[in-house]
Amino acid sequence: MIQLPTIDPSLYLKNQTTTRVPSNELGKDDFLKILMTQLQNQDPTSPLEDRDFIAQLAQFTSLEQMTNMTNSINKLANFQQMNSIIEYSHLIDKVVSYQSLDENGDNLTMKESKVTSVSQFNGELFLELANGEKISTILIGEVRASESLQEQQSDDEVIEV
């Protein structure tokens, strides 16, 4: 006797749990579903008029263009944030002077340190310094080449006669 394969009962459709998460936003896919349902269920004696159909298609096209524009703006914003990091990366290995509160937290003093890296957090750029501090770029008062670079440049400037 041949034994037929059995199907696992957990795979039956009636045993599958489908939960639909409602949303307050309608996307272009939802709009297309509504339009197709409307076309399938229209009264044959009174079909959808051309003006109404064209207006709905125009709305759909407008919705799709706005979606594409939103995606493009998001890409541009991400590019701008990355561009800012690249813009400040030239400060690595440079010495910066910056404002900082003294030990008591009463007075502003000027400190100096070499920049080791550039980072971003919540849209604001920070410099990580050799002295272990992490400062915002808006605190920078001066930027100059590090001492070893200055010495090397002054050695290169020696004119032989």
N, C-alpha and C. Protein backbone atom coordinates (compact mmCIF):
# COMPACT_ATOMS: atom_id res chain seq x y z
N MET A 1 0.83 -1.17 0.00
CA MET A 1 0.00 0.00 0.00
C MET A 1 0.88 1.25 0.00
N ILE A 2 0.54 2.21 -0.85
CA ILE A 2 1.28 3.46 -0.98
C ILE A 2 0.75 4.46 0.04
N GLN A 3 1.70 5.05 0.74
CA GLN A 3 1.28 6.04 1.75
C GLN A 3 1.44 7.44 1.15
N LEU A 4 0.37 8.21 1.18
CA LEU A 4 0.38 9.57 0.65
C LEU A 4 1.03 10.52 1.65
N PRO A 5 1.74 11.52 1.13
CA PRO A 5 2.34 12.50 2.06
C PRO A 5 1.24 13.30 2.76
N THR A 6 1.51 13.65 3.97
CA THR A 6 0.53 14.44 4.72
C THR A 6 0.98 15.89 4.78
N ILE A 7 0.00 16.76 4.88
CA ILE A 7 0.28 18.20 4.97
C ILE A 7 0.19 18.61 6.43
N ASP A 8 1.18 19.35 6.83
CA ASP A 8 1.21 19.85 8.21
C ASP A 8 0.02 20.78 8.43
N PRO A 9 -0.84 20.53 9.42
CA PRO A 9 -2.04 21.36 9.65
C PRO A 9 -1.71 22.82 9.97
N SER A 10 -0.51 23.11 10.45
CA SER A 10 -0.17 24.50 10.75
C SER A 10 -0.04 25.33 9.49
N LEU A 11 0.06 24.66 8.33
CA LEU A 11 0.19 25.39 7.07
C LEU A 11 -1.16 25.72 6.42
N TYR A 12 -2.26 25.22 6.97
CA TYR A 12 -3.57 25.53 6.42
C TYR A 12 -3.84 27.03 6.54
N LEU A 13 -4.52 27.58 5.54
CA LEU A 13 -4.81 29.01 5.55
C LEU A 13 -5.66 29.41 6.75
N LYS A 14 -6.57 28.55 7.15
CA LYS A 14 -7.43 28.92 8.28
C LYS A 14 -6.64 29.00 9.58
N ASN A 15 -5.48 28.39 9.63
CA ASN A 15 -4.65 28.43 10.83
C ASN A 15 -3.62 29.57 10.81
N GLN A 16 -3.54 30.26 9.73
CA GLN A 16 -2.60 31.37 9.62
C GLN A 16 -3.18 32.61 10.28
N THR A 17 -2.35 33.30 11.01
CA THR A 17 -2.80 34.54 11.64
C THR A 17 -2.38 35.71 10.75
N THR A 18 -3.35 36.44 10.33
CA THR A 18 -3.06 37.63 9.54
C THR A 18 -3.57 38.83 10.30
N THR A 19 -2.65 39.66 10.67
CA THR A 19 -3.04 40.88 11.37
C THR A 19 -2.76 42.06 10.45
N ARG A 20 -3.75 42.87 10.31
CA ARG A 20 -3.63 44.06 9.48
C ARG A 20 -3.44 45.24 10.39
N VAL A 21 -2.38 46.00 10.11
CA VAL A 21 -2.10 47.18 10.91
C VAL A 21 -2.69 48.39 10.19
N PRO A 22 -3.71 49.02 10.77
CA PRO A 22 -4.32 50.17 10.10
C PRO A 22 -3.37 51.38 10.13
N SER A 23 -3.50 52.20 9.10
CA SER A 23 -2.67 53.40 9.00
C SER A 23 -3.55 54.58 8.63
N ASN A 24 -3.18 55.74 9.10
CA ASN A 24 -3.93 56.95 8.77
C ASN A 24 -3.49 57.56 7.45
N GLU A 25 -2.44 57.03 6.86
CA GLU A 25 -1.90 57.59 5.63
C GLU A 25 -2.26 56.69 4.45
N LEU A 26 -2.61 57.31 3.34
CA LEU A 26 -2.87 56.59 2.11
C LEU A 26 -1.69 56.80 1.18
N GLY A 27 -1.18 55.72 0.62
CA GLY A 27 -0.09 55.80 -0.33
C GLY A 27 -0.59 55.59 -1.73
N LYS A 28 0.35 55.56 -2.67
CA LYS A 28 -0.06 55.40 -4.06
C LYS A 28 -0.63 54.01 -4.33
N ASP A 29 -0.15 52.99 -3.59
CA ASP A 29 -0.71 51.64 -3.77
C ASP A 29 -2.16 51.59 -3.31
N ASP A 30 -2.45 52.27 -2.19
CA ASP A 30 -3.83 52.32 -1.69
C ASP A 30 -4.73 53.04 -2.69
N PHE A 31 -4.21 54.12 -3.26
CA PHE A 31 -4.99 54.88 -4.23
C PHE A 31 -5.30 54.02 -5.45
N LEU A 32 -4.33 53.25 -5.92
CA LEU A 32 -4.54 52.38 -7.07
C LEU A 32 -5.58 51.30 -6.77
N LYS A 33 -5.53 50.75 -5.55
CA LYS A 33 -6.52 49.73 -5.17
C LYS A 33 -7.93 50.31 -5.18
N ILE A 34 -8.06 51.51 -4.66
CA ILE A 34 -9.38 52.16 -4.64
C ILE A 34 -9.87 52.42 -6.06
N LEU A 35 -8.98 52.91 -6.92
CA LEU A 35 -9.34 53.20 -8.31
C LEU A 35 -9.75 51.92 -9.04
N MET A 36 -8.99 50.83 -8.85
CA MET A 36 -9.32 49.57 -9.52
C MET A 36 -10.64 49.00 -9.01
N THR A 37 -10.88 49.10 -7.71
CA THR A 37 -12.15 48.62 -7.14
C THR A 37 -13.32 49.43 -7.70
N GLN A 38 -13.10 50.74 -7.82
CA GLN A 38 -14.15 51.60 -8.36
C GLN A 38 -14.46 51.23 -9.81
N LEU A 39 -13.42 50.97 -10.61
CA LEU A 39 -13.63 50.61 -12.01
C LEU A 39 -14.31 49.25 -12.14
N GLN A 40 -13.97 48.31 -11.27
CA GLN A 40 -14.56 46.97 -11.34
C GLN A 40 -16.03 46.97 -10.91
N ASN A 41 -16.39 47.86 -10.03
CA ASN A 41 -17.75 47.85 -9.47
C ASN A 41 -18.63 48.98 -9.98
N GLN A 42 -18.23 49.61 -11.07
CA GLN A 42 -19.06 50.71 -11.56
C GLN A 42 -20.31 50.17 -12.26
N ASP A 43 -21.30 50.99 -12.31
CA ASP A 43 -22.58 50.64 -12.94
C ASP A 43 -22.38 50.66 -14.46
N PRO A 44 -22.65 49.54 -15.16
CA PRO A 44 -22.44 49.50 -16.61
C PRO A 44 -23.33 50.48 -17.37
N THR A 45 -24.49 50.82 -16.81
CA THR A 45 -25.38 51.75 -17.50
C THR A 45 -24.92 53.20 -17.30
N SER A 46 -24.08 53.43 -16.30
CA SER A 46 -23.57 54.78 -16.04
C SER A 46 -22.07 54.69 -15.72
N PRO A 47 -21.26 54.46 -16.76
CA PRO A 47 -19.83 54.29 -16.51
C PRO A 47 -19.19 55.60 -16.02
N LEU A 48 -18.02 55.47 -15.48
CA LEU A 48 -17.27 56.62 -14.99
C LEU A 48 -17.02 57.58 -16.14
N GLU A 49 -17.30 58.84 -15.92
CA GLU A 49 -17.12 59.81 -16.99
C GLU A 49 -15.64 60.09 -17.18
N ASP A 50 -15.29 60.49 -18.40
CA ASP A 50 -13.88 60.73 -18.75
C ASP A 50 -13.25 61.78 -17.85
N ARG A 51 -13.99 62.85 -17.55
CA ARG A 51 -13.44 63.92 -16.72
C ARG A 51 -13.05 63.40 -15.34
N ASP A 52 -13.93 62.60 -14.75
CA ASP A 52 -13.66 62.06 -13.41
C ASP A 52 -12.45 61.14 -13.44
N PHE A 53 -12.39 60.30 -14.47
CA PHE A 53 -11.28 59.36 -14.58
C PHE A 53 -9.95 60.10 -14.75
N ILE A 54 -9.93 61.10 -15.60
CA ILE A 54 -8.71 61.89 -15.83
C ILE A 54 -8.31 62.64 -14.56
N ALA A 55 -9.28 63.16 -13.83
CA ALA A 55 -8.98 63.87 -12.58
C ALA A 55 -8.36 62.92 -11.56
N GLN A 56 -8.87 61.70 -11.48
CA GLN A 56 -8.31 60.73 -10.55
C GLN A 56 -6.90 60.31 -10.96
N LEU A 57 -6.67 60.15 -12.24
CA LEU A 57 -5.33 59.82 -12.71
C LEU A 57 -4.36 60.97 -12.43
N ALA A 58 -4.83 62.20 -12.59
CA ALA A 58 -3.98 63.36 -12.30
C ALA A 58 -3.62 63.40 -10.81
N GLN A 59 -4.59 63.06 -9.96
CA GLN A 59 -4.31 63.01 -8.53
C GLN A 59 -3.28 61.92 -8.21
N PHE A 60 -3.41 60.79 -8.88
CA PHE A 60 -2.46 59.71 -8.67
C PHE A 60 -1.06 60.12 -9.11
N THR A 61 -0.96 60.76 -10.26
CA THR A 61 0.33 61.22 -10.76
C THR A 61 0.95 62.24 -9.81
N SER A 62 0.13 63.14 -9.31
CA SER A 62 0.60 64.15 -8.35
C SER A 62 1.11 63.49 -7.07
N LEU A 63 0.39 62.49 -6.58
CA LEU A 63 0.80 61.76 -5.38
C LEU A 63 2.14 61.07 -5.61
N GLU A 64 2.31 60.45 -6.75
CA GLU A 64 3.56 59.76 -7.05
C GLU A 64 4.72 60.74 -7.16
N GLN A 65 4.50 61.90 -7.78
CA GLN A 65 5.54 62.91 -7.90
C GLN A 65 5.93 63.46 -6.53
N MET A 66 4.96 63.66 -5.64
CA MET A 66 5.28 64.14 -4.29
C MET A 66 6.09 63.10 -3.52
N THR A 67 5.75 61.83 -3.70
CA THR A 67 6.51 60.76 -3.05
C THR A 67 7.95 60.74 -3.56
N ASN A 68 8.12 60.86 -4.86
CA ASN A 68 9.47 60.89 -5.44
C ASN A 68 10.25 62.11 -4.97
N MET A 69 9.58 63.25 -4.87
CA MET A 69 10.24 64.47 -4.41
C MET A 69 10.66 64.33 -2.95
N THR A 70 9.82 63.73 -2.13
CA THR A 70 10.18 63.51 -0.73
C THR A 70 11.41 62.62 -0.62
N ASN A 71 11.45 61.56 -1.41
CA ASN A 71 12.62 60.68 -1.41
C ASN A 71 13.88 61.43 -1.85
N SER A 72 13.75 62.28 -2.86
CA SER A 72 14.90 63.05 -3.33
C SER A 72 15.38 64.04 -2.27
N ILE A 73 14.46 64.67 -1.58
CA ILE A 73 14.83 65.63 -0.53
C ILE A 73 15.53 64.90 0.62
N ASN A 74 15.05 63.71 0.97
CA ASN A 74 15.71 62.93 2.02
C ASN A 74 17.13 62.53 1.61
N LYS A 75 17.31 62.15 0.35
CA LYS A 75 18.65 61.81 -0.14
C LYS A 75 19.56 63.04 -0.10
N LEU A 76 19.03 64.20 -0.49
CA LEU A 76 19.81 65.43 -0.47
C LEU A 76 20.22 65.80 0.96
N ALA A 77 19.30 65.65 1.91
CA ALA A 77 19.62 65.96 3.31
C ALA A 77 20.71 65.03 3.83
N ASN A 78 20.63 63.74 3.51
CA ASN A 78 21.67 62.80 3.92
C ASN A 78 23.01 63.16 3.29
N PHE A 79 22.99 63.55 2.03
CA PHE A 79 24.22 63.94 1.34
C PHE A 79 24.82 65.19 1.99
N GLN A 80 23.99 66.15 2.35
CA GLN A 80 24.47 67.37 2.98
C GLN A 80 25.13 67.07 4.32
N GLN A 81 24.55 66.16 5.10
CA GLN A 81 25.15 65.79 6.37
C GLN A 81 26.51 65.13 6.16
N MET A 82 26.61 64.25 5.17
CA MET A 82 27.88 63.59 4.89
C MET A 82 28.88 64.61 4.36
N ASN A 83 28.41 65.55 3.57
CA ASN A 83 29.28 66.58 3.01
C ASN A 83 29.88 67.45 4.11
N SER A 84 29.11 67.70 5.17
CA SER A 84 29.62 68.50 6.29
C SER A 84 30.77 67.79 6.99
N ILE A 85 30.66 66.49 7.16
CA ILE A 85 31.76 65.74 7.78
C ILE A 85 32.99 65.82 6.90
N ILE A 86 32.82 65.65 5.62
CA ILE A 86 33.95 65.73 4.69
C ILE A 86 34.55 67.13 4.71
N GLU A 87 33.69 68.15 4.80
CA GLU A 87 34.16 69.53 4.82
C GLU A 87 35.06 69.79 6.03
N TYR A 88 34.74 69.23 7.18
CA TYR A 88 35.53 69.45 8.38
C TYR A 88 36.67 68.43 8.54
N SER A 89 36.75 67.44 7.68
CA SER A 89 37.80 66.43 7.82
C SER A 89 39.19 67.01 7.58
N HIS A 90 39.29 68.14 6.91
CA HIS A 90 40.60 68.77 6.70
C HIS A 90 41.21 69.26 8.01
N LEU A 91 40.42 69.32 9.08
CA LEU A 91 40.93 69.76 10.38
C LEU A 91 41.70 68.66 11.12
N ILE A 92 41.59 67.43 10.65
CA ILE A 92 42.31 66.33 11.32
C ILE A 92 43.81 66.61 11.24
N ASP A 93 44.49 66.45 12.37
CA ASP A 93 45.93 66.72 12.56
C ASP A 93 46.26 68.21 12.58
N LYS A 94 45.26 69.05 12.67
CA LYS A 94 45.47 70.49 12.85
C LYS A 94 45.24 70.81 14.33
N VAL A 95 45.82 71.92 14.79
CA VAL A 95 45.62 72.38 16.16
C VAL A 95 44.52 73.42 16.14
N VAL A 96 43.54 73.24 17.02
CA VAL A 96 42.44 74.20 17.11
C VAL A 96 42.46 74.86 18.48
N SER A 97 42.11 76.13 18.49
CA SER A 97 41.88 76.85 19.73
C SER A 97 40.37 76.94 19.90
N TYR A 98 39.91 76.70 21.12
CA TYR A 98 38.47 76.67 21.35
C TYR A 98 38.15 77.19 22.74
N GLN A 99 36.91 77.63 22.91
CA GLN A 99 36.45 78.13 24.20
C GLN A 99 35.99 76.96 25.07
N SER A 100 36.37 77.01 26.34
CA SER A 100 35.97 75.97 27.27
C SER A 100 35.82 76.59 28.65
N LEU A 101 34.96 76.03 29.46
CA LEU A 101 34.80 76.50 30.83
C LEU A 101 35.96 75.99 31.67
N ASP A 102 36.40 76.80 32.64
CA ASP A 102 37.48 76.37 33.53
C ASP A 102 36.98 75.27 34.47
N GLU A 103 37.88 74.80 35.35
CA GLU A 103 37.54 73.69 36.24
C GLU A 103 36.32 73.99 37.11
N ASN A 104 36.17 75.24 37.53
CA ASN A 104 35.04 75.62 38.38
C ASN A 104 33.75 75.79 37.58
N GLY A 105 33.89 75.93 36.28
CA GLY A 105 32.71 76.14 35.44
C GLY A 105 32.23 77.57 35.46
N ASP A 106 33.12 78.50 35.90
CA ASP A 106 32.71 79.90 36.03
C ASP A 106 33.11 80.74 34.82
N ASN A 107 34.34 80.58 34.35
CA ASN A 107 34.89 81.46 33.32
C ASN A 107 35.24 80.69 32.06
N LEU A 108 35.10 81.39 30.94
CA LEU A 108 35.51 80.82 29.67
C LEU A 108 37.01 81.01 29.51
N THR A 109 37.69 79.96 29.09
CA THR A 109 39.12 80.05 28.80
C THR A 109 39.35 79.50 27.41
N MET A 110 40.49 79.85 26.84
CA MET A 110 40.87 79.33 25.53
C MET A 110 41.79 78.14 25.74
N LYS A 111 41.51 77.04 25.08
CA LYS A 111 42.33 75.84 25.13
C LYS A 111 42.78 75.50 23.72
N GLU A 112 43.80 74.67 23.63
CA GLU A 112 44.29 74.21 22.34
C GLU A 112 44.47 72.70 22.38
N SER A 113 44.21 72.06 21.25
CA SER A 113 44.47 70.64 21.13
C SER A 113 44.45 70.26 19.66
N LYS A 114 45.04 69.12 19.37
CA LYS A 114 45.09 68.60 18.01
C LYS A 114 43.81 67.81 17.73
N VAL A 115 43.25 67.97 16.55
CA VAL A 115 42.04 67.26 16.14
C VAL A 115 42.42 65.85 15.70
N THR A 116 41.72 64.85 16.25
CA THR A 116 41.99 63.47 15.86
C THR A 116 40.91 62.89 14.95
N SER A 117 39.67 63.37 15.08
CA SER A 117 38.60 62.88 14.20
C SER A 117 37.42 63.84 14.21
N VAL A 118 36.53 63.64 13.24
CA VAL A 118 35.31 64.44 13.10
C VAL A 118 34.12 63.48 13.17
N SER A 119 33.09 63.85 13.93
CA SER A 119 31.91 63.00 14.02
C SER A 119 30.65 63.86 13.99
N GLN A 120 29.53 63.19 13.87
CA GLN A 120 28.25 63.88 13.80
C GLN A 120 27.27 63.20 14.72
N PHE A 121 26.47 64.01 15.43
CA PHE A 121 25.43 63.47 16.30
C PHE A 121 24.25 64.41 16.25
N ASN A 122 23.09 63.89 15.90
CA ASN A 122 21.85 64.69 15.80
C ASN A 122 22.02 65.92 14.93
N GLY A 123 22.74 65.78 13.82
CA GLY A 123 22.89 66.87 12.88
C GLY A 123 23.96 67.89 13.26
N GLU A 124 24.62 67.74 14.40
CA GLU A 124 25.66 68.68 14.81
C GLU A 124 27.02 68.00 14.70
N LEU A 125 28.01 68.77 14.21
CA LEU A 125 29.35 68.23 14.03
C LEU A 125 30.20 68.44 15.27
N PHE A 126 31.01 67.44 15.59
CA PHE A 126 31.90 67.49 16.74
C PHE A 126 33.30 67.11 16.33
N LEU A 127 34.27 67.72 16.99
CA LEU A 127 35.67 67.38 16.79
C LEU A 127 36.14 66.60 18.01
N GLU A 128 36.78 65.48 17.78
CA GLU A 128 37.39 64.72 18.86
C GLU A 128 38.85 65.12 18.90
N LEU A 129 39.32 65.50 20.09
CA LEU A 129 40.64 66.09 20.24
C LEU A 129 41.61 65.12 20.90
N ALA A 130 42.91 65.41 20.72
CA ALA A 130 43.96 64.56 21.30
C ALA A 130 43.93 64.59 22.82
N ASN A 131 43.41 65.66 23.42
CA ASN A 131 43.34 65.74 24.88
C ASN A 131 42.13 64.99 25.45
N GLY A 132 41.37 64.29 24.60
CA GLY A 132 40.24 63.49 25.05
C GLY A 132 38.91 64.21 25.04
N GLU A 133 38.91 65.50 24.78
CA GLU A 133 37.65 66.25 24.75
C GLU A 133 36.97 66.09 23.40
N LYS A 134 35.68 66.31 23.42
CA LYS A 134 34.86 66.30 22.21
C LYS A 134 34.11 67.62 22.20
N ILE A 135 34.38 68.46 21.19
CA ILE A 135 33.79 69.80 21.17
C ILE A 135 32.97 70.02 19.91
N SER A 136 32.03 70.93 20.00
CA SER A 136 31.24 71.31 18.83
C SER A 136 32.09 72.21 17.94
N THR A 137 31.86 72.14 16.65
CA THR A 137 32.63 72.96 15.72
C THR A 137 32.36 74.45 15.90
N ILE A 138 31.24 74.82 16.51
CA ILE A 138 30.94 76.24 16.69
C ILE A 138 31.81 76.89 17.76
N LEU A 139 32.54 76.08 18.54
CA LEU A 139 33.40 76.62 19.59
C LEU A 139 34.80 76.96 19.08
N ILE A 140 35.11 76.60 17.85
CA ILE A 140 36.46 76.81 17.31
C ILE A 140 36.71 78.31 17.12
N GLY A 141 37.86 78.75 17.65
CA GLY A 141 38.25 80.14 17.48
C GLY A 141 39.37 80.30 16.47
N GLU A 142 40.25 79.29 16.36
CA GLU A 142 41.40 79.38 15.46
C GLU A 142 41.82 77.98 15.04
N VAL A 143 42.33 77.88 13.83
CA VAL A 143 42.87 76.63 13.32
C VAL A 143 44.25 76.91 12.76
N ARG A 144 45.21 76.05 13.11
CA ARG A 144 46.56 76.21 12.54
C ARG A 144 47.20 74.84 12.40
N ALA A 145 48.25 74.78 11.60
CA ALA A 145 48.96 73.52 11.40
C ALA A 145 49.62 73.11 12.71
N SER A 146 49.75 71.82 12.92
CA SER A 146 50.39 71.34 14.15
C SER A 146 51.86 71.70 14.13
N GLU A 147 52.52 71.69 15.29
CA GLU A 147 53.91 72.13 15.41
C GLU A 147 54.83 71.33 14.50
N SER A 148 54.64 70.01 14.44
CA SER A 148 55.52 69.18 13.59
C SER A 148 55.36 69.57 12.13
N LEU A 149 54.16 69.91 11.72
CA LEU A 149 53.94 70.34 10.34
C LEU A 149 54.56 71.71 10.11
N GLN A 150 54.45 72.60 11.09
CA GLN A 150 55.04 73.94 10.95
C GLN A 150 56.55 73.84 10.84
N GLU A 151 57.19 72.96 11.66
CA GLU A 151 58.64 72.81 11.59
C GLU A 151 59.06 72.26 10.24
N GLN A 152 58.32 71.28 9.73
CA GLN A 152 58.64 70.69 8.44
C GLN A 152 58.51 71.73 7.33
N GLN A 153 57.47 72.59 7.41
CA GLN A 153 57.29 73.62 6.39
C GLN A 153 58.40 74.65 6.46
N SER A 154 58.84 75.02 7.66
CA SER A 154 59.91 76.02 7.78
C SER A 154 61.22 75.44 7.27
N ASP A 155 61.48 74.13 7.44
CA ASP A 155 62.68 73.49 6.90
C ASP A 155 62.63 73.48 5.38
N ASP A 156 61.47 73.31 4.79
CA ASP A 156 61.33 73.30 3.35
C ASP A 156 61.55 74.67 2.74
N GLU A 157 61.37 75.73 3.53
CA GLU A 157 61.46 77.09 3.02
C GLU A 157 62.90 77.63 3.02
N VAL A 158 63.87 76.87 3.49
CA VAL A 158 65.25 77.31 3.50
C VAL A 158 65.73 77.47 2.07
N ILE A 159 66.27 78.64 1.78
CA ILE A 159 66.73 78.94 0.42
C ILE A 159 68.24 78.74 0.38
N GLU A 160 68.68 77.93 -0.56
CA GLU A 160 70.12 77.72 -0.72
C GLU A 160 70.66 78.73 -1.71
N VAL A 161 71.86 79.28 -1.40
CA VAL A 161 72.48 80.29 -2.26
C VAL A 161 73.66 79.71 -2.98
